[in-house]
Amino acid sequence: MRCLAVCQDELVIRMLDEILVPGFEVEFIVESRPASRRLHDAHVNVTAGDPRRTDTYLKADLGPGTCVIIEDNGRRSLKKILEAVRDAGGTLVYVLGIGSAATAHRADELRGEFPDVAYLSMAELFGGPLLTEFARSMTRARVQQYQRYFSDGERILIMLHNDPDPDAMASGLALRNILRRTKTTAIIGAMQGVTRPENLRMANLLDIHVEPLTPDTVKEYDRVAMVDVQPHYFGGVIDQVDLVIDHHPEQPGYTAVFKDIRADYGSTSTILTEHLRAVDVNISERTATAMLYAIKSDTLFFNRQTNRVDLEAFSYLYPLADAALIRKMEGAEITVERLDYVMKAHQSGTLVEQVFCAFLGATPREDFIPYVADFFLQLEHVKWTVIAGIVNDSMVISVRNLGYSKNAGELVRRFFADIGSAGGHRAMAKAVVPMRAFREKFGELSAEELGAMLQDLVAQFLHEATAVGEKKRETAGIKN
């Protein structure tokens, strides 16, 4: 996350630089040019400028997603600095009280005039792990901002991706709770409804209604939020929304008033768990059950794209959820239809150097393809799976790997982004390509030839990635 820190005390600057830089991209703004030169010589990212002037922040490329940290040392110019930041478009503003200036009276005085500003004293920061407390405070400020923004809307839409999965539906429920809305004032909707058996069971057991949408009906809402998806997914139909919360890699080509995108998180529900906790919203058993199941589902029970925050969210939600209900939802994962496609992949697929590839042909539903990819990744000696199938005149390709080093998202972007939609994480990715564009690039291929082509593409990608890695090691002077 990018931060602008407006500080004048060199000791405070050096301390914040030491603590924040590992987790944040921090640029300091100081008024004194000699101090700026000293700090620059000490390899601190610093700019000299008048913090009371709006153009100082415009030159620093301040945006609504930039966190602004302002040192409060008791001087009267603080309010002028806050006004300049606000006039420059700053929305996530955080005042850090230093020494005797950090009092409850001072905090109340600022909140009265600048209600969007979060205040925290240095003493409070040292009461616990600094970075953790600071990150939680910023999350709280961010959530409170979008809560206030959405409170003005009569009809709110929480939009999910097509054929929503557990993470999308659970995130929709969580955001509705954060916004303190009901199912009549905050609609959870999607362009295409729920079709996968386990997702249908989840929707039925937890009474989650996903309203069918069209591009025209989206325009009817006063506020639009997206969870577990970004506007680019809809192919240019939607290019502006009010809020985006997602754990997929950030994509360009749209504008959002607020967004919280964390591609290193295993699920969007993990992000929403932090949002709920940050503003002390009561999490119902129903919502906790949905979110716990979503985290478990999206991370394959912590076997892919998982980090410490996912485990923390799971641990927090576990005592609040209904474990028996989760077992019921999981019972829908294996169906006869899915087993048919597993057998088809087993018969036609190939395993070469720990890479399993298969072409399923025409499939009535898209969910068969990622299911087969996940299934074969569980086999011994398999580290990559690439499964393709044709759904509604589009080639759909699901890629899975163990996520140790090579990147599945890079693979699909490398070969398919020029002719269709392609992207994903290190351990899982997907491409959707119109058949016409696919044939123009790769030609008319039989089922056997298509499977062989997938193997060739993966082999080429892995060879290139290995060669780049070895080149970097040589440059760094590292030997095997």
Protein backbone atom coordinates (compact mmCIF):
# COMPACT_ATOMS: atom_id res chain seq x y z
CA MET A 1 0.00 0.00 0.00
CA ARG A 2 1.26 3.52 -0.81
CA CYS A 3 1.62 6.02 2.04
CA LEU A 4 2.51 9.70 2.18
CA ALA A 5 3.92 10.57 5.61
CA VAL A 6 3.94 14.27 6.51
CA CYS A 7 6.50 14.56 9.29
CA GLN A 8 9.01 17.15 10.51
CA ASP A 9 10.73 15.27 13.35
CA GLU A 10 13.70 13.34 11.95
CA LEU A 11 13.58 10.79 14.76
CA VAL A 12 9.92 10.03 14.00
CA ILE A 13 10.71 9.82 10.27
CA ARG A 14 13.56 7.37 10.77
CA MET A 15 11.47 5.25 13.12
CA LEU A 16 8.48 5.09 10.78
CA ASP A 17 10.77 4.39 7.82
CA GLU A 18 12.34 1.48 9.66
CA ILE A 19 9.00 0.00 10.72
CA LEU A 20 6.69 0.71 7.76
CA VAL A 21 8.86 0.27 4.67
CA PRO A 22 8.85 -3.56 4.70
CA GLY A 23 5.05 -3.56 4.37
CA PHE A 24 4.26 -0.20 2.77
CA GLU A 25 5.54 2.03 -0.01
CA VAL A 26 6.27 5.17 2.04
CA GLU A 27 7.23 8.65 0.82
CA PHE A 28 7.94 11.32 3.42
CA ILE A 29 7.12 15.02 2.95
CA VAL A 30 9.19 17.44 5.03
CA GLU A 31 9.21 21.23 5.06
CA SER A 32 12.93 21.68 5.75
CA ARG A 33 15.19 21.32 2.70
CA PRO A 34 18.34 20.64 4.78
CA ALA A 35 16.48 17.89 6.63
CA SER A 36 15.31 16.53 3.29
CA ARG A 37 18.90 16.35 2.03
CA ARG A 38 20.10 14.60 5.20
CA LEU A 39 17.32 12.03 5.02
CA HIS A 40 17.88 11.51 1.31
CA ASP A 41 21.55 10.79 1.99
CA ALA A 42 20.38 8.22 4.55
CA HIS A 43 18.39 6.49 1.75
CA VAL A 44 14.98 7.65 2.99
CA ASN A 45 12.39 8.31 0.26
CA VAL A 46 11.73 11.98 1.02
CA THR A 47 10.49 15.14 -0.75
CA ALA A 48 10.75 18.74 0.44
CA GLY A 49 7.55 20.76 0.22
CA ASP A 50 5.13 22.99 2.09
CA PRO A 51 2.64 20.60 3.76
CA ARG A 52 0.07 23.41 4.00
CA ARG A 53 -0.20 23.73 0.19
CA THR A 54 -2.52 21.58 -1.89
CA ASP A 55 -0.13 21.43 -4.84
CA THR A 56 2.46 19.66 -2.65
CA TYR A 57 0.16 16.64 -2.55
CA LEU A 58 -0.88 16.92 -6.18
CA LYS A 59 2.79 16.80 -7.17
CA ALA A 60 3.17 13.72 -4.94
CA ASP A 61 0.39 12.04 -6.97
CA LEU A 62 -1.99 11.73 -4.02
CA GLY A 63 -5.00 9.58 -4.89
CA PRO A 64 -8.09 8.39 -2.98
CA GLY A 65 -6.38 5.07 -2.30
CA THR A 66 -3.25 6.66 -0.85
CA CYS A 67 -2.88 6.56 2.92
CA VAL A 68 -1.75 9.92 4.36
CA ILE A 69 -0.02 9.88 7.75
CA ILE A 70 0.32 13.28 9.39
CA GLU A 71 2.51 13.87 12.44
CA ASP A 72 0.74 15.91 15.12
CA ASN A 73 3.31 17.59 17.32
CA GLY A 74 0.92 20.18 18.73
CA ARG A 75 1.53 22.93 16.18
CA ARG A 76 -1.40 25.00 14.94
CA SER A 77 -0.65 24.26 11.27
CA LEU A 78 -2.15 20.76 11.54
CA LYS A 79 -5.61 21.92 10.45
CA LYS A 80 -4.17 23.71 7.42
CA ILE A 81 -2.32 20.53 6.48
CA LEU A 82 -5.52 18.49 6.80
CA GLU A 83 -7.43 20.98 4.64
CA ALA A 84 -4.71 20.85 1.97
CA VAL A 85 -4.76 17.04 1.94
CA ARG A 86 -8.55 17.02 1.70
CA ASP A 87 -8.54 19.57 -1.12
CA ALA A 88 -6.00 17.43 -3.01
CA GLY A 89 -8.39 14.46 -2.90
CA GLY A 90 -7.03 12.56 0.10
CA THR A 91 -9.64 10.32 1.70
CA LEU A 92 -7.66 7.94 3.91
CA VAL A 93 -6.09 10.32 6.43
CA TYR A 94 -4.43 9.25 9.62
CA VAL A 95 -3.07 11.60 12.32
CA LEU A 96 -0.28 10.28 14.53
CA GLY A 97 -0.09 12.11 17.86
CA ILE A 98 3.44 12.69 19.17
CA GLY A 99 4.33 13.32 22.82
CA SER A 100 2.20 15.67 24.91
CA ALA A 101 0.10 16.65 21.86
CA ALA A 102 -1.51 13.21 21.78
CA THR A 103 -4.48 13.63 24.12
CA ALA A 104 -8.08 12.47 24.02
CA HIS A 105 -9.16 16.11 23.88
CA ARG A 106 -6.95 16.69 20.85
CA ALA A 107 -8.43 13.64 19.11
CA ASP A 108 -12.03 14.75 19.83
CA GLU A 109 -11.26 18.27 18.63
CA LEU A 110 -9.96 17.00 15.29
CA ARG A 111 -12.81 14.53 14.77
CA GLY A 112 -15.31 17.33 15.33
CA GLU A 113 -13.90 19.27 12.39
CA PHE A 114 -12.56 16.37 10.29
CA PRO A 115 -14.83 13.34 10.92
CA ASP A 116 -13.09 11.22 8.29
CA VAL A 117 -9.72 11.48 10.04
CA ALA A 118 -8.46 8.62 12.21
CA TYR A 119 -6.35 9.56 15.25
CA LEU A 120 -3.86 7.39 17.08
CA SER A 121 -1.16 8.34 19.55
CA MET A 122 2.38 7.05 19.37
CA ALA A 123 1.95 5.71 22.89
CA GLU A 124 -0.97 3.55 21.71
CA LEU A 125 1.13 2.22 18.85
CA PHE A 126 3.83 1.07 21.22
CA GLY A 127 1.21 -0.68 23.33
CA GLY A 128 1.24 -3.54 20.78
CA PRO A 129 3.00 -4.63 17.60
CA LEU A 130 3.32 -1.37 15.70
CA LEU A 131 2.75 -2.60 12.17
CA THR A 132 -0.24 -4.77 13.11
CA GLU A 133 -1.92 -1.99 15.07
CA PHE A 134 -1.24 0.52 12.33
CA ALA A 135 -2.63 -1.77 9.61
CA ARG A 136 -5.78 -2.40 11.66
CA SER A 137 -6.28 1.31 12.23
CA MET A 138 -5.98 1.99 8.50
CA THR A 139 -8.48 -0.78 7.76
CA ARG A 140 -10.88 0.74 10.28
CA ALA A 141 -10.55 4.18 8.69
CA ARG A 142 -11.07 2.76 5.21
CA VAL A 143 -14.19 0.79 6.22
CA GLN A 144 -15.71 3.74 8.05
CA GLN A 145 -15.23 5.87 4.96
CA TYR A 146 -17.09 3.56 2.63
CA GLN A 147 -19.76 2.93 5.30
CA ARG A 148 -20.52 6.66 5.34
CA TYR A 149 -20.43 6.87 1.56
CA PHE A 150 -22.91 3.99 1.13
CA SER A 151 -25.24 5.26 3.87
CA ASP A 152 -26.64 7.84 1.42
CA GLY A 153 -27.87 5.25 -1.08
CA GLU A 154 -31.40 3.91 -0.93
CA ARG A 155 -30.82 0.90 -3.21
CA ILE A 156 -27.42 -0.78 -3.07
CA LEU A 157 -26.12 -3.54 -5.32
CA ILE A 158 -23.46 -5.99 -4.16
CA MET A 159 -22.34 -7.54 -7.43
CA LEU A 160 -20.70 -10.97 -7.79
CA HIS A 161 -19.02 -12.66 -10.74
CA ASN A 162 -20.90 -15.04 -13.04
CA ASP A 163 -21.84 -18.39 -11.47
CA PRO A 164 -20.84 -17.21 -7.98
CA ASP A 165 -18.71 -19.49 -5.81
CA PRO A 166 -18.68 -19.72 -1.97
CA ASP A 167 -16.17 -16.88 -1.59
CA ALA A 168 -18.27 -14.50 -3.69
CA MET A 169 -21.54 -15.32 -1.91
CA ALA A 170 -19.99 -15.19 1.57
CA SER A 171 -18.30 -11.88 0.77
CA GLY A 172 -21.65 -10.50 -0.36
CA LEU A 173 -23.23 -11.45 2.97
CA ALA A 174 -20.30 -9.98 4.90
CA LEU A 175 -20.40 -6.66 3.05
CA ARG A 176 -24.15 -6.41 3.60
CA ASN A 177 -23.48 -6.80 7.34
CA ILE A 178 -20.76 -4.15 7.30
CA LEU A 179 -23.09 -1.72 5.53
CA ARG A 180 -25.79 -2.56 8.12
CA ARG A 181 -28.30 -3.36 5.37
CA THR A 182 -31.02 -5.94 4.84
CA LYS A 183 -31.64 -8.11 1.80
CA THR A 184 -34.23 -5.60 0.57
CA THR A 185 -31.94 -2.53 0.75
CA ALA A 186 -28.71 -4.24 -0.38
CA ILE A 187 -29.26 -6.72 -3.19
CA ILE A 188 -26.71 -9.47 -3.86
CA GLY A 189 -26.73 -10.06 -7.62
CA ALA A 190 -24.91 -11.63 -10.57
CA MET A 191 -25.25 -11.66 -14.36
CA GLN A 192 -25.40 -15.45 -14.33
CA GLY A 193 -26.84 -17.46 -11.45
CA VAL A 194 -25.46 -20.23 -9.26
CA THR A 195 -25.14 -23.62 -11.00
CA ARG A 196 -22.49 -25.77 -9.28
CA PRO A 197 -24.00 -28.40 -6.96
CA GLU A 198 -22.05 -27.47 -3.81
CA ASN A 199 -22.69 -23.77 -4.42
CA LEU A 200 -26.41 -24.36 -4.90
CA ARG A 201 -26.47 -26.34 -1.69
CA MET A 202 -24.68 -23.53 0.12
CA ALA A 203 -27.14 -20.95 -1.25
CA ASN A 204 -30.11 -23.09 -0.20
CA LEU A 205 -28.84 -24.06 3.26
CA LEU A 206 -27.82 -20.49 4.14
CA ASP A 207 -30.76 -18.84 2.35
CA ILE A 208 -28.58 -16.71 0.08
CA HIS A 209 -30.59 -15.24 -2.77
CA VAL A 210 -28.57 -14.07 -5.78
CA GLU A 211 -30.66 -11.70 -7.90
CA PRO A 212 -30.26 -12.08 -11.71
CA LEU A 213 -28.86 -8.92 -13.32
CA THR A 214 -28.44 -7.32 -16.72
CA PRO A 215 -26.15 -4.40 -17.63
CA ASP A 216 -29.21 -2.15 -17.71
CA THR A 217 -30.48 -3.14 -14.25
CA VAL A 218 -27.06 -2.40 -12.72
CA LYS A 219 -27.58 1.27 -13.62
CA GLU A 220 -30.75 1.40 -11.53
CA TYR A 221 -28.88 1.23 -8.20
CA ASP A 222 -27.67 4.24 -6.18
CA ARG A 223 -24.44 2.54 -5.14
CA VAL A 224 -22.65 -0.47 -6.68
CA ALA A 225 -20.06 -2.60 -4.89
CA MET A 226 -18.18 -5.59 -6.31
CA VAL A 227 -16.76 -8.40 -4.19
CA ASP A 228 -14.44 -11.19 -5.38
CA VAL A 229 -14.42 -9.62 -8.85
CA GLN A 230 -13.33 -6.44 -10.66
CA PRO A 231 -15.15 -4.55 -13.45
CA HIS A 232 -12.74 -5.72 -16.20
CA TYR A 233 -14.25 -9.20 -15.80
CA PHE A 234 -17.45 -8.00 -17.49
CA GLY A 235 -15.72 -7.04 -20.74
CA GLY A 236 -16.19 -3.28 -20.67
CA VAL A 237 -19.91 -3.36 -19.82
CA ILE A 238 -19.15 -1.81 -16.40
CA ASP A 239 -16.23 0.60 -16.04
CA GLN A 240 -17.14 2.55 -12.90
CA VAL A 241 -18.23 1.33 -9.46
CA ASP A 242 -18.26 2.68 -5.93
CA LEU A 243 -16.38 -0.11 -4.12
CA VAL A 244 -14.23 -3.08 -5.11
CA ILE A 245 -13.03 -5.70 -2.60
CA ASP A 246 -11.11 -8.57 -4.17
CA HIS A 247 -8.19 -10.95 -3.68
CA HIS A 248 -7.40 -11.40 -7.37
CA PRO A 249 -4.56 -9.40 -8.97
CA GLU A 250 -5.51 -5.80 -9.63
CA GLN A 251 -6.60 -5.03 -13.18
CA PRO A 252 -6.65 -1.66 -15.02
CA GLY A 253 -9.39 -0.07 -17.09
CA TYR A 254 -11.94 1.01 -14.49
CA THR A 255 -12.50 3.59 -11.76
CA ALA A 256 -13.68 2.98 -8.20
CA VAL A 257 -14.33 5.43 -5.37
CA PHE A 258 -12.98 2.90 -2.87
CA LYS A 259 -11.12 -0.35 -3.38
CA ASP A 260 -9.30 -2.90 -1.26
CA ILE A 261 -7.44 -5.42 -3.41
CA ARG A 262 -5.04 -7.85 -1.76
CA ALA A 263 -3.71 -10.42 -4.22
CA ASP A 264 -1.60 -12.12 -1.56
CA TYR A 265 -4.72 -13.18 0.38
CA GLY A 266 -6.22 -16.61 -0.21
CA SER A 267 -9.81 -15.41 -0.31
CA THR A 268 -11.92 -12.25 -0.41
CA SER A 269 -13.68 -13.51 2.73
CA THR A 270 -10.38 -13.10 4.58
CA ILE A 271 -10.34 -9.40 3.64
CA LEU A 272 -13.97 -9.00 4.72
CA THR A 273 -13.22 -10.73 8.03
CA GLU A 274 -10.66 -8.01 8.72
CA HIS A 275 -13.21 -5.35 7.74
CA LEU A 276 -15.85 -6.80 10.06
CA ARG A 277 -13.42 -7.00 12.96
CA ALA A 278 -12.05 -3.52 12.34
CA VAL A 279 -15.41 -1.85 12.97
CA ASP A 280 -16.66 -4.36 15.57
CA VAL A 281 -19.63 -5.58 13.53
CA ASN A 282 -21.40 -8.56 15.07
CA ILE A 283 -20.89 -11.62 12.85
CA SER A 284 -23.93 -13.90 12.81
CA GLU A 285 -23.60 -17.67 12.75
CA ARG A 286 -24.95 -17.70 9.19
CA THR A 287 -22.36 -15.22 7.92
CA ALA A 288 -19.52 -16.86 9.85
CA THR A 289 -20.49 -20.27 8.42
CA ALA A 290 -20.51 -18.91 4.88
CA MET A 291 -17.15 -17.17 5.29
CA LEU A 292 -15.48 -20.14 6.98
CA TYR A 293 -16.63 -22.44 4.18
CA ALA A 294 -15.46 -19.89 1.61
CA ILE A 295 -11.95 -19.63 3.06
CA LYS A 296 -11.71 -23.41 3.25
CA SER A 297 -13.00 -23.78 -0.32
CA ASP A 298 -10.89 -21.06 -1.96
CA THR A 299 -7.66 -22.24 -0.34
CA LEU A 300 -8.38 -25.99 -0.76
CA PHE A 301 -8.20 -26.14 3.03
CA PHE A 302 -4.95 -24.16 3.07
CA ASN A 303 -3.24 -26.16 0.33
CA ARG A 304 -2.98 -23.23 -2.10
CA GLN A 305 -2.54 -19.43 -2.09
CA THR A 306 -2.68 -19.18 1.70
CA ASN A 307 -0.88 -17.02 4.23
CA ARG A 308 -1.00 -16.10 7.89
CA VAL A 309 -4.03 -13.80 7.57
CA ASP A 310 -6.15 -16.60 6.08
CA LEU A 311 -5.30 -18.82 9.04
CA GLU A 312 -6.09 -15.99 11.46
CA ALA A 313 -9.46 -15.34 9.80
CA PHE A 314 -10.29 -19.07 9.84
CA SER A 315 -9.38 -19.33 13.55
CA TYR A 316 -11.50 -16.29 14.39
CA LEU A 317 -14.57 -17.51 12.47
CA TYR A 318 -14.41 -21.17 13.51
CA PRO A 319 -16.10 -20.85 16.94
CA LEU A 320 -18.80 -18.61 15.43
CA ALA A 321 -19.76 -21.00 12.61
CA ASP A 322 -21.95 -24.09 12.32
CA ALA A 323 -19.51 -26.93 11.57
CA ALA A 324 -22.31 -29.43 10.89
CA LEU A 325 -23.76 -27.17 8.21
CA ILE A 326 -20.36 -26.88 6.53
CA ARG A 327 -20.13 -30.69 6.36
CA LYS A 328 -23.54 -30.75 4.64
CA MET A 329 -22.38 -28.23 2.05
CA GLU A 330 -19.19 -30.17 1.39
CA GLY A 331 -21.17 -33.32 0.75
CA ALA A 332 -22.32 -31.99 -2.64
CA GLU A 333 -18.84 -31.81 -4.16
CA ILE A 334 -18.77 -35.32 -5.73
CA THR A 335 -21.49 -36.03 -8.29
CA VAL A 336 -21.90 -38.67 -10.99
CA GLU A 337 -21.64 -35.96 -13.67
CA ARG A 338 -18.33 -34.76 -12.30
CA LEU A 339 -16.99 -38.28 -12.05
CA ASP A 340 -17.85 -38.77 -15.73
CA TYR A 341 -15.54 -35.87 -16.64
CA VAL A 342 -12.83 -37.10 -14.28
CA MET A 343 -12.94 -40.44 -16.15
CA LYS A 344 -12.87 -38.67 -19.51
CA ALA A 345 -9.77 -36.73 -18.44
CA HIS A 346 -8.17 -39.91 -17.11
CA GLN A 347 -8.70 -41.67 -20.44
CA SER A 348 -7.58 -38.84 -22.73
CA GLY A 349 -5.10 -36.91 -20.58
CA THR A 350 -1.32 -37.18 -20.46
CA LEU A 351 1.14 -36.89 -17.60
CA VAL A 352 4.55 -35.62 -18.67
CA GLU A 353 7.20 -34.54 -16.17
CA GLN A 354 4.63 -33.98 -13.39
CA VAL A 355 2.32 -31.95 -15.68
CA PHE A 356 -1.15 -33.43 -16.34
CA CYS A 357 -3.06 -32.02 -19.34
CA ALA A 358 -6.44 -33.04 -20.72
CA PHE A 359 -9.09 -31.77 -23.13
CA LEU A 360 -12.67 -32.56 -22.09
CA GLY A 361 -14.38 -31.52 -25.34
CA ALA A 362 -17.76 -29.79 -25.16
CA THR A 363 -19.07 -29.49 -21.59
CA PRO A 364 -22.53 -28.27 -20.54
CA ARG A 365 -21.20 -26.40 -17.49
CA GLU A 366 -17.96 -24.53 -16.86
CA ASP A 367 -17.53 -25.85 -13.31
CA PHE A 368 -16.58 -29.33 -14.58
CA ILE A 369 -13.28 -27.93 -15.88
CA PRO A 370 -11.82 -26.43 -12.66
CA TYR A 371 -13.17 -29.40 -10.71
CA VAL A 372 -11.17 -31.83 -12.86
CA ALA A 373 -8.10 -29.58 -12.57
CA ASP A 374 -8.36 -29.58 -8.76
CA PHE A 375 -9.01 -33.34 -8.69
CA PHE A 376 -5.90 -34.36 -10.62
CA LEU A 377 -3.65 -31.99 -8.68
CA GLN A 378 -4.23 -34.25 -5.67
CA LEU A 379 -2.55 -37.21 -7.40
CA GLU A 380 0.96 -38.29 -6.49
CA HIS A 381 3.68 -37.01 -8.86
CA VAL A 382 1.39 -34.29 -10.28
CA LYS A 383 2.54 -30.69 -9.74
CA TRP A 384 0.64 -28.96 -12.58
CA THR A 385 -2.77 -29.57 -14.14
CA VAL A 386 -4.06 -27.89 -17.30
CA ILE A 387 -7.64 -28.83 -18.21
CA ALA A 388 -9.53 -27.39 -21.20
CA GLY A 389 -13.10 -27.68 -22.40
CA ILE A 390 -15.54 -25.90 -24.70
CA VAL A 391 -18.45 -24.06 -23.05
CA ASN A 392 -20.88 -22.02 -25.16
CA ASP A 393 -18.45 -21.60 -28.06
CA SER A 394 -15.58 -20.52 -25.81
CA MET A 395 -12.47 -22.45 -24.89
CA VAL A 396 -12.17 -22.48 -21.08
CA ILE A 397 -8.78 -23.45 -19.65
CA SER A 398 -8.17 -24.04 -15.93
CA VAL A 399 -4.62 -24.21 -14.60
CA ARG A 400 -3.58 -25.41 -11.15
CA ASN A 401 -0.19 -25.97 -9.56
CA LEU A 402 1.31 -26.43 -6.14
CA GLY A 403 2.34 -22.79 -6.11
CA TYR A 404 5.93 -23.24 -5.02
CA SER A 405 7.68 -21.10 -7.62
CA LYS A 406 6.19 -20.88 -11.14
CA ASN A 407 3.09 -18.75 -11.68
CA ALA A 408 -0.14 -20.16 -13.18
CA GLY A 409 -1.51 -16.66 -13.82
CA GLU A 410 1.56 -15.74 -15.84
CA LEU A 411 1.15 -18.89 -17.94
CA VAL A 412 -2.40 -18.14 -19.09
CA ARG A 413 -1.60 -14.46 -19.68
CA ARG A 414 1.47 -15.44 -21.71
CA PHE A 415 -0.47 -17.55 -24.21
CA PHE A 416 -4.12 -16.43 -24.09
CA ALA A 417 -4.42 -12.79 -22.94
CA ASP A 418 -4.04 -11.54 -26.53
CA ILE A 419 -7.11 -13.45 -27.72
CA GLY A 420 -9.37 -13.62 -24.67
CA SER A 421 -9.69 -13.13 -20.92
CA ALA A 422 -6.80 -14.62 -18.94
CA GLY A 423 -5.46 -14.21 -15.41
CA GLY A 424 -5.16 -15.65 -11.94
CA HIS A 425 -2.84 -16.31 -9.03
CA ARG A 426 0.40 -18.19 -8.60
CA ALA A 427 -1.40 -21.46 -7.84
CA MET A 428 -4.58 -21.17 -9.91
CA ALA A 429 -5.59 -19.42 -13.13
CA LYS A 430 -8.16 -19.40 -15.90
CA ALA A 431 -8.47 -18.35 -19.53
CA VAL A 432 -11.68 -17.93 -21.54
CA VAL A 433 -11.15 -17.56 -25.27
CA PRO A 434 -13.80 -17.35 -28.04
CA MET A 435 -13.41 -20.41 -30.29
CA ARG A 436 -13.03 -18.28 -33.38
CA ALA A 437 -10.04 -16.43 -31.87
CA PHE A 438 -8.63 -19.71 -30.55
CA ARG A 439 -8.74 -21.32 -34.02
CA GLU A 440 -7.20 -18.24 -35.66
CA LYS A 441 -4.18 -18.47 -33.36
CA PHE A 442 -3.72 -22.22 -32.96
CA GLY A 443 -5.52 -23.66 -36.00
CA GLU A 444 -8.07 -26.48 -36.27
CA LEU A 445 -6.94 -29.11 -33.75
CA SER A 446 -8.28 -32.55 -32.97
CA ALA A 447 -8.86 -33.49 -29.32
CA GLU A 448 -5.56 -35.37 -29.24
CA GLU A 449 -3.67 -32.51 -30.89
CA LEU A 450 -5.17 -29.98 -28.49
CA GLY A 451 -4.03 -32.00 -25.46
CA ALA A 452 -0.53 -32.24 -26.94
CA MET A 453 -0.52 -28.49 -27.62
CA LEU A 454 -1.33 -27.77 -23.96
CA GLN A 455 1.60 -29.95 -22.90
CA ASP A 456 3.88 -28.07 -25.29
CA LEU A 457 2.77 -24.67 -24.01
CA VAL A 458 3.38 -25.64 -20.39
CA ALA A 459 6.77 -27.16 -21.23
CA GLN A 460 7.75 -23.98 -23.10
CA PHE A 461 6.63 -21.78 -20.21
CA LEU A 462 8.42 -23.83 -17.56
CA HIS A 463 11.59 -23.95 -19.64
CA GLU A 464 11.52 -20.15 -20.12
CA ALA A 465 10.84 -19.55 -16.43
CA THR A 466 13.68 -21.87 -15.45
CA ALA A 467 16.07 -20.17 -17.87
CA VAL A 468 15.17 -16.73 -16.49
CA GLY A 469 15.68 -17.97 -12.94
CA GLU A 470 19.09 -19.43 -13.77
CA LYS A 471 20.11 -16.21 -15.51
CA LYS A 472 19.20 -14.20 -12.41
CA ARG A 473 21.18 -16.59 -10.24
CA GLU A 474 24.20 -16.25 -12.53
CA THR A 475 23.93 -12.47 -12.44
CA ALA A 476 23.80 -12.54 -8.66
CA GLY A 477 26.80 -14.90 -8.57
CA ILE A 478 24.86 -17.78 -7.00
CA LYS A 479 25.84 -21.32 -7.85
CA ASN A 480 23.79 -24.49 -7.40
